[in-house]
């Protein structure tokens, strides 16, 4: 039973990571097409959005893991994952505030 839960959790995380990378590739390619082929300035903005999606994909994995640990009632890993998410969010807020 435990192996089935672990396999399911790994499958869900794998899907999230693959979907994030695939979505990022599609958005970046669309931006490249608009920027290079159609010579539209909005293409560079779309490329940046694709890069942000790629950067946020590991963060999405953390959020999914957080909920998976909560569902499984694994409070130690839930607390560790929550602490990591809080550290990432606070550090990004501090950097954006330039403190």
C-alpha atoms as a PDB file:
ATOM      1  CA  UNK A   1       0.000   0.000   0.000  1.00  0.00           C
ATOM      2  CA  UNK A   2       2.797   2.418   0.892  1.00  0.00           C
ATOM      3  CA  UNK A   3       4.568   1.765  -2.418  1.00  0.00           C
ATOM      4  CA  UNK A   4       1.376   2.584  -4.304  1.00  0.00           C
ATOM      5  CA  UNK A   5       1.061   5.946  -2.490  1.00  0.00           C
ATOM      6  CA  UNK A   6       4.687   6.757  -3.210  1.00  0.00           C
ATOM      7  CA  UNK A   7       4.308   5.832  -6.864  1.00  0.00           C
ATOM      8  CA  UNK A   8       1.172   7.946  -7.193  1.00  0.00           C
ATOM      9  CA  UNK A   9       2.858  10.938  -5.562  1.00  0.00           C
ATOM     10  CA  UNK A  10       5.878  10.595  -7.842  1.00  0.00           C
ATOM     11  CA  UNK A  11       3.598  10.298 -10.870  1.00  0.00           C
ATOM     12  CA  UNK A  12       1.726  13.480  -9.963  1.00  0.00           C
ATOM     13  CA  UNK A  13       4.954  15.400  -9.369  1.00  0.00           C
ATOM     14  CA  UNK A  14       6.353  14.073 -12.649  1.00  0.00           C
ATOM     15  CA  UNK A  15       3.256  15.268 -14.503  1.00  0.00           C
ATOM     16  CA  UNK A  16       3.537  18.743 -12.933  1.00  0.00           C
ATOM     17  CA  UNK A  17       7.206  19.057 -13.873  1.00  0.00           C
ATOM     18  CA  UNK A  18       6.707  17.782 -17.414  1.00  0.00           C
ATOM     19  CA  UNK A  19       3.672  19.992 -17.962  1.00  0.00           C
ATOM     20  CA  UNK A  20       5.572  23.060 -16.735  1.00  0.00           C
ATOM     21  CA  UNK A  21       8.510  22.409 -19.024  1.00  0.00           C
ATOM     22  CA  UNK A  22       6.265  21.613 -21.999  1.00  0.00           C
ATOM     23  CA  UNK A  23       4.162  24.724 -21.458  1.00  0.00           C
ATOM     24  CA  UNK A  24       7.325  26.796 -21.159  1.00  0.00           C
ATOM     25  CA  UNK A  25       8.691  25.394 -24.415  1.00  0.00           C
ATOM     26  CA  UNK A  26       5.426  26.114 -26.244  1.00  0.00           C
ATOM     27  CA  UNK A  27       5.239  29.695 -24.943  1.00  0.00           C
ATOM     28  CA  UNK A  28       8.905  30.412 -25.713  1.00  0.00           C
ATOM     29  CA  UNK A  29       8.564  28.993 -29.238  1.00  0.00           C
ATOM     30  CA  UNK A  30       5.450  31.102 -29.828  1.00  0.00           C
ATOM     31  CA  UNK A  31       7.344  34.172 -28.628  1.00  0.00           C
ATOM     32  CA  UNK A  32      10.287  33.356 -30.858  1.00  0.00           C
ATOM     33  CA  UNK A  33       7.969  32.967 -33.829  1.00  0.00           C
ATOM     34  CA  UNK A  34       6.304  36.301 -33.140  1.00  0.00           C
ATOM     35  CA  UNK A  35       9.608  38.064 -32.544  1.00  0.00           C
ATOM     36  CA  UNK A  36      11.725  36.589 -35.351  1.00  0.00           C
ATOM     37  CA  UNK A  37       9.266  35.707 -38.108  1.00  0.00           C
ATOM     38  CA  UNK A  38       6.540  38.313 -37.663  1.00  0.00           C
ATOM     39  CA  UNK A  39       8.883  40.973 -36.218  1.00  0.00           C
ATOM     40  CA  UNK A  40       6.451  41.866 -33.431  1.00  0.00           C
ATOM     41  CA  UNK A  41       7.781  43.476 -30.260  1.00  0.00           C
ATOM     42  CA  UNK A  42       5.321  41.518 -28.130  1.00  0.00           C
ATOM     43  CA  UNK A  43       7.320  38.394 -28.948  1.00  0.00           C
ATOM     44  CA  UNK A  44      10.044  39.292 -26.464  1.00  0.00           C
ATOM     45  CA  UNK A  45       7.430  39.710 -23.721  1.00  0.00           C
ATOM     46  CA  UNK A  46       6.006  36.280 -24.513  1.00  0.00           C
ATOM     47  CA  UNK A  47       9.510  34.777 -24.381  1.00  0.00           C
ATOM     48  CA  UNK A  48       9.948  36.299 -20.903  1.00  0.00           C
ATOM     49  CA  UNK A  49       6.617  34.808 -19.812  1.00  0.00           C
ATOM     50  CA  UNK A  50       7.819  31.403 -21.006  1.00  0.00           C
ATOM     51  CA  UNK A  51      11.004  31.792 -18.976  1.00  0.00           C
ATOM     52  CA  UNK A  52       8.990  32.746 -15.885  1.00  0.00           C
ATOM     53  CA  UNK A  53       6.897  29.611 -16.362  1.00  0.00           C
ATOM     54  CA  UNK A  54      10.101  27.584 -16.525  1.00  0.00           C
ATOM     55  CA  UNK A  55      11.451  29.240 -13.370  1.00  0.00           C
ATOM     56  CA  UNK A  56       8.184  28.679 -11.487  1.00  0.00           C
ATOM     57  CA  UNK A  57       7.904  24.996 -12.412  1.00  0.00           C
ATOM     58  CA  UNK A  58      10.034  23.772  -9.456  1.00  0.00           C
ATOM     59  CA  UNK A  59       8.024  26.038  -7.147  1.00  0.00           C
ATOM     60  CA  UNK A  60       4.831  24.421  -8.443  1.00  0.00           C
ATOM     61  CA  UNK A  61       6.380  21.070  -7.555  1.00  0.00           C
ATOM     62  CA  UNK A  62       6.855  22.282  -3.983  1.00  0.00           C
ATOM     63  CA  UNK A  63       3.245  23.419  -3.758  1.00  0.00           C
ATOM     64  CA  UNK A  64       1.986  20.072  -5.086  1.00  0.00           C
ATOM     65  CA  UNK A  65       4.245  18.237  -2.635  1.00  0.00           C
ATOM     66  CA  UNK A  66       2.906  20.376   0.193  1.00  0.00           C
ATOM     67  CA  UNK A  67      -0.663  19.306  -0.535  1.00  0.00           C
ATOM     68  CA  UNK A  68       0.359  15.677  -1.058  1.00  0.00           C
ATOM     69  CA  UNK A  69       2.055  15.587   2.346  1.00  0.00           C
ATOM     70  CA  UNK A  70      -1.019  17.181   3.912  1.00  0.00           C
ATOM     71  CA  UNK A  71      -3.307  14.596   2.322  1.00  0.00           C
ATOM     72  CA  UNK A  72      -1.050  11.780   3.520  1.00  0.00           C
ATOM     73  CA  UNK A  73      -0.920  13.397   6.995  1.00  0.00           C
ATOM     74  CA  UNK A  74       2.886  13.377   6.883  1.00  0.00           C
ATOM     75  CA  UNK A  75       3.280  16.429   9.101  1.00  0.00           C
ATOM     76  CA  UNK A  76       7.085  16.445   9.309  1.00  0.00           C
ATOM     77  CA  UNK A  77       7.547  16.674   5.534  1.00  0.00           C
ATOM     78  CA  UNK A  78       4.594  19.061   5.330  1.00  0.00           C
ATOM     79  CA  UNK A  79       6.325  21.404   7.797  1.00  0.00           C
ATOM     80  CA  UNK A  80       9.674  21.153   5.992  1.00  0.00           C
ATOM     81  CA  UNK A  81       8.071  21.860   2.603  1.00  0.00           C
ATOM     82  CA  UNK A  82       6.053  24.740   4.035  1.00  0.00           C
ATOM     83  CA  UNK A  83       9.220  26.226   5.548  1.00  0.00           C
ATOM     84  CA  UNK A  84      10.976  26.019   2.174  1.00  0.00           C
ATOM     85  CA  UNK A  85       8.044  27.725   0.448  1.00  0.00           C
ATOM     86  CA  UNK A  86       7.980  30.489   3.080  1.00  0.00           C
ATOM     87  CA  UNK A  87      11.748  31.024   2.724  1.00  0.00           C
ATOM     88  CA  UNK A  88      11.454  31.308  -1.061  1.00  0.00           C
ATOM     89  CA  UNK A  89       8.498  33.710  -0.923  1.00  0.00           C
ATOM     90  CA  UNK A  90      10.004  35.916   1.796  1.00  0.00           C
ATOM     91  CA  UNK A  91      13.395  36.077   0.084  1.00  0.00           C
ATOM     92  CA  UNK A  92      11.753  37.081  -3.189  1.00  0.00           C
ATOM     93  CA  UNK A  93       9.719  39.747  -1.421  1.00  0.00           C
ATOM     94  CA  UNK A  94      12.826  41.118   0.270  1.00  0.00           C
ATOM     95  CA  UNK A  95      14.748  41.194  -3.003  1.00  0.00           C
ATOM     96  CA  UNK A  96      11.895  42.943  -4.796  1.00  0.00           C
ATOM     97  CA  UNK A  97      11.650  45.464  -1.943  1.00  0.00           C
ATOM     98  CA  UNK A  98      15.458  45.918  -2.124  1.00  0.00           C
ATOM     99  CA  UNK A  99      15.953  45.704   1.620  1.00  0.00           C
END
